[in-house]
Amino acid sequence: MEIELGDVVRLRKQHPCGGDEWQVVRLGADIRIKCLNCHRQVLLERGIFERRVRALVSRNEGVTGSDG
């Protein structure tokens, strides 16, 4: 699966806050995603992440290196 920084994905299960869309904020052996509803961040292994992704909502939105 081709994932880039800033991509927005929908996972199979909703986050406890009710959000189901996540933005990719870090790539590597592990992938860090941020809930777009409550802004919590979760670190998942790449294999687990790829199994949990249901759909790619939107492509890279021009993310910069800052966490602001």
PDB file of N, CA and C in Angstrom:
ATOM      1  N   MET A   1       0.844  -1.182   0.000  1.00  0.00           N
ATOM      2  CA  MET A   1       0.000   0.000   0.000  1.00  0.00           C
ATOM      3  C   MET A   1       0.888   1.243   0.000  1.00  0.00           C
ATOM      4  N   GLU A   2       0.598   2.162  -0.903  1.00  0.00           N
ATOM      5  CA  GLU A   2       1.372   3.400  -0.999  1.00  0.00           C
ATOM      6  C   GLU A   2       0.755   4.459  -0.091  1.00  0.00           C
ATOM      7  N   ILE A   3       1.438   4.768   0.990  1.00  0.00           N
ATOM      8  CA  ILE A   3       0.988   5.785   1.942  1.00  0.00           C
ATOM      9  C   ILE A   3       2.042   6.879   1.988  1.00  0.00           C
ATOM     10  N   GLU A   4       1.597   8.132   2.032  1.00  0.00           N
ATOM     11  CA  GLU A   4       2.505   9.271   2.134  1.00  0.00           C
ATOM     12  C   GLU A   4       2.120  10.104   3.348  1.00  0.00           C
ATOM     13  N   LEU A   5       3.061  10.937   3.802  1.00  0.00           N
ATOM     14  CA  LEU A   5       2.756  11.846   4.898  1.00  0.00           C
ATOM     15  C   LEU A   5       1.599  12.751   4.506  1.00  0.00           C
ATOM     16  N   GLY A   6       0.681  12.950   5.415  1.00  0.00           N
ATOM     17  CA  GLY A   6      -0.449  13.839   5.175  1.00  0.00           C
ATOM     18  C   GLY A   6      -1.673  13.165   4.594  1.00  0.00           C
ATOM     19  N   ASP A   7      -1.546  11.899   4.187  1.00  0.00           N
ATOM     20  CA  ASP A   7      -2.709  11.185   3.671  1.00  0.00           C
ATOM     21  C   ASP A   7      -3.744  11.023   4.771  1.00  0.00           C
ATOM     22  N   VAL A   8      -5.014  11.038   4.410  1.00  0.00           N
ATOM     23  CA  VAL A   8      -6.103  10.812   5.352  1.00  0.00           C
ATOM     24  C   VAL A   8      -6.729   9.467   5.012  1.00  0.00           C
ATOM     25  N   VAL A   9      -6.830   8.591   6.017  1.00  0.00           N
ATOM     26  CA  VAL A   9      -7.367   7.255   5.815  1.00  0.00           C
ATOM     27  C   VAL A   9      -8.549   7.021   6.751  1.00  0.00           C
ATOM     28  N   ARG A  10      -9.389   6.063   6.372  1.00  0.00           N
ATOM     29  CA  ARG A  10     -10.495   5.634   7.219  1.00  0.00           C
ATOM     30  C   ARG A  10     -10.165   4.219   7.677  1.00  0.00           C
ATOM     31  N   LEU A  11     -10.223   3.974   8.988  1.00  0.00           N
ATOM     32  CA  LEU A  11      -9.933   2.651   9.534  1.00  0.00           C
ATOM     33  C   LEU A  11     -11.215   1.853   9.721  1.00  0.00           C
ATOM     34  N   ARG A  12     -11.056   0.545   9.936  1.00  0.00           N
ATOM     35  CA  ARG A  12     -12.212  -0.343  10.087  1.00  0.00           C
ATOM     36  C   ARG A  12     -13.057  -0.010  11.310  1.00  0.00           C
ATOM     37  N   LYS A  13     -12.417   0.322  12.419  1.00  0.00           N
ATOM     38  CA  LYS A  13     -13.143   0.637  13.653  1.00  0.00           C
ATOM     39  C   LYS A  13     -13.040   2.123  13.954  1.00  0.00           C
ATOM     40  N   GLN A  14     -14.087   2.659  14.585  1.00  0.00           N
ATOM     41  CA  GLN A  14     -14.054   4.054  15.003  1.00  0.00           C
ATOM     42  C   GLN A  14     -13.203   4.204  16.252  1.00  0.00           C
ATOM     43  N   HIS A  15     -12.640   5.390  16.423  1.00  0.00           N
ATOM     44  CA  HIS A  15     -11.936   5.756  17.642  1.00  0.00           C
ATOM     45  C   HIS A  15     -13.004   5.960  18.724  1.00  0.00           C
ATOM     46  N   PRO A  16     -12.686   5.749  19.999  1.00  0.00           N
ATOM     47  CA  PRO A  16     -13.681   5.956  21.066  1.00  0.00           C
ATOM     48  C   PRO A  16     -14.318   7.348  21.062  1.00  0.00           C
ATOM     49  N   CYS A  17     -13.657   8.346  20.501  1.00  0.00           N
ATOM     50  CA  CYS A  17     -14.228   9.695  20.438  1.00  0.00           C
ATOM     51  C   CYS A  17     -15.307   9.796  19.360  1.00  0.00           C
ATOM     52  N   GLY A  18     -15.412   8.795  18.504  1.00  0.00           N
ATOM     53  CA  GLY A  18     -16.413   8.800  17.441  1.00  0.00           C
ATOM     54  C   GLY A  18     -15.849   9.097  16.070  1.00  0.00           C
ATOM     55  N   GLY A  19     -14.587   9.528  16.002  1.00  0.00           N
ATOM     56  CA  GLY A  19     -13.959   9.835  14.722  1.00  0.00           C
ATOM     57  C   GLY A  19     -13.517   8.570  14.005  1.00  0.00           C
ATOM     58  N   ASP A  20     -13.560   8.603  12.674  1.00  0.00           N
ATOM     59  CA  ASP A  20     -13.093   7.446  11.913  1.00  0.00           C
ATOM     60  C   ASP A  20     -12.087   7.823  10.830  1.00  0.00           C
ATOM     61  N   GLU A  21     -11.697   9.101  10.778  1.00  0.00           N
ATOM     62  CA  GLU A  21     -10.695   9.536   9.806  1.00  0.00           C
ATOM     63  C   GLU A  21      -9.410   9.919  10.521  1.00  0.00           C
ATOM     64  N   TRP A  22      -8.290   9.462   9.964  1.00  0.00           N
ATOM     65  CA  TRP A  22      -6.975   9.630  10.571  1.00  0.00           C
ATOM     66  C   TRP A  22      -6.009  10.197   9.550  1.00  0.00           C
ATOM     67  N   GLN A  23      -5.098  11.060   9.997  1.00  0.00           N
ATOM     68  CA  GLN A  23      -4.063  11.623   9.131  1.00  0.00           C
ATOM     69  C   GLN A  23      -2.730  10.973   9.471  1.00  0.00           C
ATOM     70  N   VAL A  24      -1.974  10.575   8.446  1.00  0.00           N
ATOM     71  CA  VAL A  24      -0.661   9.968   8.632  1.00  0.00           C
ATOM     72  C   VAL A  24       0.338  11.076   8.944  1.00  0.00           C
ATOM     73  N   VAL A  25       1.013  10.983  10.114  1.00  0.00           N
ATOM     74  CA  VAL A  25       1.959  12.025  10.509  1.00  0.00           C
ATOM     75  C   VAL A  25       3.397  11.515  10.613  1.00  0.00           C
ATOM     76  N   ARG A  26       3.614  10.192  10.515  1.00  0.00           N
ATOM     77  CA  ARG A  26       4.972   9.642  10.554  1.00  0.00           C
ATOM     78  C   ARG A  26       4.978   8.318   9.808  1.00  0.00           C
ATOM     79  N   LEU A  27       6.021   8.094   9.010  1.00  0.00           N
ATOM     80  CA  LEU A  27       6.173   6.856   8.266  1.00  0.00           C
ATOM     81  C   LEU A  27       7.476   6.177   8.637  1.00  0.00           C
ATOM     82  N   GLY A  28       7.517   4.877   8.495  1.00  0.00           N
ATOM     83  CA  GLY A  28       8.697   4.078   8.781  1.00  0.00           C
ATOM     84  C   GLY A  28       8.246   2.651   9.009  1.00  0.00           C
ATOM     85  N   ALA A  29       8.979   1.904   9.835  1.00  0.00           N
ATOM     86  CA  ALA A  29       8.547   0.563  10.201  1.00  0.00           C
ATOM     87  C   ALA A  29       7.229   0.651  10.975  1.00  0.00           C
ATOM     88  N   ASP A  30       7.073   1.734  11.725  1.00  0.00           N
ATOM     89  CA  ASP A  30       5.826   2.037  12.423  1.00  0.00           C
ATOM     90  C   ASP A  30       5.210   3.261  11.764  1.00  0.00           C
ATOM     91  N   ILE A  31       3.889   3.360  11.839  1.00  0.00           N
ATOM     92  CA  ILE A  31       3.182   4.495  11.256  1.00  0.00           C
ATOM     93  C   ILE A  31       2.407   5.198  12.361  1.00  0.00           C
ATOM     94  N   ARG A  32       2.622   6.511  12.496  1.00  0.00           N
ATOM     95  CA  ARG A  32       1.886   7.302  13.489  1.00  0.00           C
ATOM     96  C   ARG A  32       0.739   7.997  12.775  1.00  0.00           C
ATOM     97  N   ILE A  33      -0.460   7.837  13.332  1.00  0.00           N
ATOM     98  CA  ILE A  33      -1.638   8.471  12.770  1.00  0.00           C
ATOM     99  C   ILE A  33      -2.300   9.352  13.826  1.00  0.00           C
ATOM    100  N   LYS A  34      -2.987  10.395  13.372  1.00  0.00           N
ATOM    101  CA  LYS A  34      -3.636  11.347  14.269  1.00  0.00           C
ATOM    102  C   LYS A  34      -5.125  11.378  13.959  1.00  0.00           C
ATOM    103  N   CYS A  35      -5.949  11.206  14.993  1.00  0.00           N
ATOM    104  CA  CYS A  35      -7.396  11.279  14.841  1.00  0.00           C
ATOM    105  C   CYS A  35      -7.767  12.712  14.468  1.00  0.00           C
ATOM    106  N   LEU A  36      -8.562  12.871  13.418  1.00  0.00           N
ATOM    107  CA  LEU A  36      -8.940  14.208  12.973  1.00  0.00           C
ATOM    108  C   LEU A  36     -10.073  14.786  13.810  1.00  0.00           C
ATOM    109  N   ASN A  37     -10.667  13.995  14.699  1.00  0.00           N
ATOM    110  CA  ASN A  37     -11.741  14.476  15.557  1.00  0.00           C
ATOM    111  C   ASN A  37     -11.184  15.024  16.875  1.00  0.00           C
ATOM    112  N   CYS A  38     -10.352  14.220  17.579  1.00  0.00           N
ATOM    113  CA  CYS A  38      -9.858  14.622  18.903  1.00  0.00           C
ATOM    114  C   CYS A  38      -8.356  14.909  18.922  1.00  0.00           C
ATOM    115  N   HIS A  39      -7.652  14.670  17.821  1.00  0.00           N
ATOM    116  CA  HIS A  39      -6.220  14.945  17.652  1.00  0.00           C
ATOM    117  C   HIS A  39      -5.305  14.049  18.480  1.00  0.00           C
ATOM    118  N   ARG A  40      -5.804  12.932  18.983  1.00  0.00           N
ATOM    119  CA  ARG A  40      -4.924  11.960  19.640  1.00  0.00           C
ATOM    120  C   ARG A  40      -4.091  11.265  18.583  1.00  0.00           C
ATOM    121  N   GLN A  41      -2.876  10.837  18.995  1.00  0.00           N
ATOM    122  CA  GLN A  41      -1.995  10.153  18.064  1.00  0.00           C
ATOM    123  C   GLN A  41      -1.780   8.718  18.518  1.00  0.00           C
ATOM    124  N   VAL A  42      -1.702   7.811  17.542  1.00  0.00           N
ATOM    125  CA  VAL A  42      -1.522   6.389  17.793  1.00  0.00           C
ATOM    126  C   VAL A  42      -0.383   5.898  16.908  1.00  0.00           C
ATOM    127  N   LEU A  43       0.468   5.037  17.462  1.00  0.00           N
ATOM    128  CA  LEU A  43       1.574   4.448  16.717  1.00  0.00           C
ATOM    129  C   LEU A  43       1.253   2.980  16.451  1.00  0.00           C
ATOM    130  N   LEU A  44       1.208   2.596  15.171  1.00  0.00           N
ATOM    131  CA  LEU A  44       0.894   1.226  14.779  1.00  0.00           C
ATOM    132  C   LEU A  44       2.019   0.652  13.940  1.00  0.00           C
ATOM    133  N   GLU A  45       2.246  -0.656  14.066  1.00  0.00           N
ATOM    134  CA  GLU A  45       3.179  -1.318  13.171  1.00  0.00           C
ATOM    135  C   GLU A  45       2.597  -1.274  11.761  1.00  0.00           C
ATOM    136  N   ARG A  46       3.473  -1.213  10.764  1.00  0.00           N
ATOM    137  CA  ARG A  46       3.026  -1.063   9.375  1.00  0.00           C
ATOM    138  C   ARG A  46       2.043  -2.166   8.967  1.00  0.00           C
ATOM    139  N   GLY A  47       2.330  -3.407   9.314  1.00  0.00           N
ATOM    140  CA  GLY A  47       1.452  -4.521   8.941  1.00  0.00           C
ATOM    141  C   GLY A  47       0.072  -4.397   9.556  1.00  0.00           C
ATOM    142  N   ILE A  48       0.015  -4.025  10.818  1.00  0.00           N
ATOM    143  CA  ILE A  48      -1.271  -3.842  11.502  1.00  0.00           C
ATOM    144  C   ILE A  48      -2.025  -2.681  10.876  1.00  0.00           C
ATOM    145  N   PHE A  49      -1.329  -1.584  10.597  1.00  0.00           N
ATOM    146  CA  PHE A  49      -1.947  -0.416   9.967  1.00  0.00           C
ATOM    147  C   PHE A  49      -2.582  -0.796   8.630  1.00  0.00           C
ATOM    148  N   GLU A  50      -1.842  -1.528   7.793  1.00  0.00           N
ATOM    149  CA  GLU A  50      -2.337  -1.889   6.471  1.00  0.00           C
ATOM    150  C   GLU A  50      -3.557  -2.800   6.548  1.00  0.00           C
ATOM    151  N   ARG A  51      -3.618  -3.668   7.564  1.00  0.00           N
ATOM    152  CA  ARG A  51      -4.792  -4.525   7.736  1.00  0.00           C
ATOM    153  C   ARG A  51      -6.007  -3.740   8.203  1.00  0.00           C
ATOM    154  N   ARG A  52      -5.787  -2.672   8.981  1.00  0.00           N
ATOM    155  CA  ARG A  52      -6.899  -1.902   9.545  1.00  0.00           C
ATOM    156  C   ARG A  52      -7.463  -0.828   8.626  1.00  0.00           C
ATOM    157  N   VAL A  53      -6.723  -0.454   7.593  1.00  0.00           N
ATOM    158  CA  VAL A  53      -7.191   0.600   6.688  1.00  0.00           C
ATOM    159  C   VAL A  53      -8.349   0.076   5.848  1.00  0.00           C
ATOM    160  N   ARG A  54      -9.434   0.840   5.829  1.00  0.00           N
ATOM    161  CA  ARG A  54     -10.587   0.513   4.993  1.00  0.00           C
ATOM    162  C   ARG A  54     -10.513   1.271   3.668  1.00  0.00           C
ATOM    163  N   ALA A  55     -10.167   2.563   3.736  1.00  0.00           N
ATOM    164  CA  ALA A  55     -10.156   3.375   2.516  1.00  0.00           C
ATOM    165  C   ALA A  55      -9.212   4.552   2.669  1.00  0.00           C
ATOM    166  N   LEU A  56      -8.691   5.006   1.533  1.00  0.00           N
ATOM    167  CA  LEU A  56      -7.893   6.227   1.481  1.00  0.00           C
ATOM    168  C   LEU A  56      -8.867   7.365   1.174  1.00  0.00           C
ATOM    169  N   VAL A  57      -9.009   8.294   2.109  1.00  0.00           N
ATOM    170  CA  VAL A  57      -9.985   9.379   1.957  1.00  0.00           C
ATOM    171  C   VAL A  57      -9.435  10.480   1.065  1.00  0.00           C
ATOM    172  N   SER A  58      -8.212  10.942   1.349  1.00  0.00           N
ATOM    173  CA  SER A  58      -7.606  11.970   0.513  1.00  0.00           C
ATOM    174  C   SER A  58      -6.096  11.847   0.543  1.00  0.00           C
ATOM    175  N   ARG A  59      -5.483  12.337  -0.504  1.00  0.00           N
ATOM    176  CA  ARG A  59      -4.027  12.294  -0.628  1.00  0.00           C
ATOM    177  C   ARG A  59      -3.393  13.452   0.116  1.00  0.00           C
ATOM    178  N   ASN A  60      -2.072  13.412   0.206  1.00  0.00           N
ATOM    179  CA  ASN A  60      -1.219  14.398   0.867  1.00  0.00           C
ATOM    180  C   ASN A  60      -1.761  15.818   0.730  1.00  0.00           C
ATOM    181  N   GLU A  61      -1.900  16.503   1.853  1.00  0.00           N
ATOM    182  CA  GLU A  61      -2.424  17.875   1.861  1.00  0.00           C
ATOM    183  C   GLU A  61      -1.342  18.909   2.120  1.00  0.00           C
ATOM    184  N   GLY A  62      -0.110  18.596   1.770  1.00  0.00           N
ATOM    185  CA  GLY A  62       0.986  19.545   1.941  1.00  0.00           C
ATOM    186  C   GLY A  62       1.446  19.678   3.380  1.00  0.00           C
ATOM    187  N   VAL A  63       1.694  18.562   4.060  1.00  0.00           N
ATOM    188  CA  VAL A  63       2.124  18.578   5.451  1.00  0.00           C
ATOM    189  C   VAL A  63       3.563  19.047   5.531  1.00  0.00           C
ATOM    190  N   THR A  64       3.846  19.897   6.502  1.00  0.00           N
ATOM    191  CA  THR A  64       5.218  20.346   6.714  1.00  0.00           C
ATOM    192  C   THR A  64       5.831  19.550   7.860  1.00  0.00           C
ATOM    193  N   GLY A  65       7.088  19.778   8.158  1.00  0.00           N
ATOM    194  CA  GLY A  65       7.798  19.044   9.186  1.00  0.00           C
ATOM    195  C   GLY A  65       7.416  19.425  10.596  1.00  0.00           C
ATOM    196  N   SER A  66       6.650  20.480  10.815  1.00  0.00           N
ATOM    197  CA  SER A  66       6.318  20.897  12.179  1.00  0.00           C
ATOM    198  C   SER A  66       5.116  20.134  12.708  1.00  0.00           C
ATOM    199  N   ASP A  67       5.038  19.987  14.030  1.00  0.00           N
ATOM    200  CA  ASP A  67       3.932  19.277  14.658  1.00  0.00           C
ATOM    201  C   ASP A  67       2.871  20.245  15.153  1.00  0.00           C
ATOM    202  N   GLY A  68       2.905  21.509  14.758  1.00  0.00           N
ATOM    203  CA  GLY A  68       2.068  22.552  15.243  1.00  0.00           C
ATOM    204  C   GLY A  68       0.668  22.461  14.910  1.00  0.00           C
TER     205      GLY A  68
END
